[in-house]
Protein backbone atom coordinates (compact mmCIF):
# COMPACT_ATOMS: atom_id res chain seq x y z
CA MET A 1 112.65 62.93 132.25
CA GLY A 2 111.39 64.70 129.08
CA ILE A 3 112.13 68.26 130.38
CA ILE A 4 115.73 67.41 131.19
CA ARG A 5 116.37 65.82 127.93
CA SER A 6 114.74 68.69 125.94
CA GLY A 7 116.68 71.25 128.04
CA PHE A 8 119.87 69.42 127.43
CA SER A 9 119.15 69.69 123.60
CA PHE A 10 118.31 73.09 123.75
CA ILE A 11 121.53 74.04 125.78
CA ALA A 12 123.82 71.94 123.50
CA GLY A 13 122.19 73.69 120.37
CA THR A 14 122.75 77.01 121.62
CA VAL A 15 126.50 76.17 122.71
CA PHE A 16 127.10 74.97 119.34
CA GLY A 17 125.50 77.76 117.48
CA VAL A 18 127.62 80.28 119.50
CA TYR A 19 130.78 78.27 118.82
CA VAL A 20 130.01 78.20 114.89
CA ALA A 21 129.06 82.00 114.95
CA GLN A 22 132.42 82.88 116.57
CA ASN A 23 134.72 80.69 114.55
CA TYR A 24 133.26 80.70 111.07
CA ASN A 25 132.07 83.15 108.51
CA VAL A 26 128.16 82.77 108.78
CA PRO A 27 126.04 84.79 106.61
CA ASN A 28 123.75 87.52 107.90
CA VAL A 29 120.37 85.50 107.25
CA ARG A 30 118.25 88.74 108.01
CA LYS A 31 120.29 90.76 105.29
CA ILE A 32 119.83 88.00 102.86
CA THR A 33 116.04 87.70 103.56
CA ASN A 34 115.78 91.57 103.25
CA THR A 35 117.43 91.42 99.95
CA GLY A 36 115.33 88.63 98.48
CA LEU A 37 112.18 90.24 99.61
CA LEU A 38 113.25 93.61 97.84
CA ILE A 39 113.93 91.52 94.72
CA ALA A 40 110.57 89.81 94.94
CA ASN A 41 108.74 93.00 95.40
CA HIS A 42 110.43 94.84 92.64
CA ILE A 43 109.54 91.81 90.22
CA GLU A 44 105.95 91.81 91.35
CA GLU A 45 105.51 95.57 90.71
CA THR A 46 107.10 95.09 87.39
CA TYR A 47 104.99 92.33 86.07
CA ARG A 48 101.76 93.00 87.75
CA LYS A 49 98.64 93.43 85.51
CA PRO A 50 97.16 97.00 85.52
CA LYS A 51 94.19 97.45 87.57
CA LYS A 52 90.76 97.68 85.83
CA ARG A 53 89.30 101.16 85.82
CA ASP A 54 85.58 101.78 86.45
CA GLY A 55 85.02 103.57 83.05
CA ASP A 56 86.88 100.83 81.03
CA ASP A 57 84.29 98.34 79.95
């Protein structure tokens, strides 16, 4: 009984997701994620402490 119930939930979720994607303006999550990662990488490189050199004691 559990596999039928979980299979139904998966199929119903898939059908609902396809309907929403076709009928509404859903943003591209991959593009948003990549933009956020680029901004985070830029901020990290800008504010990172300089590395210690071997001769600087």
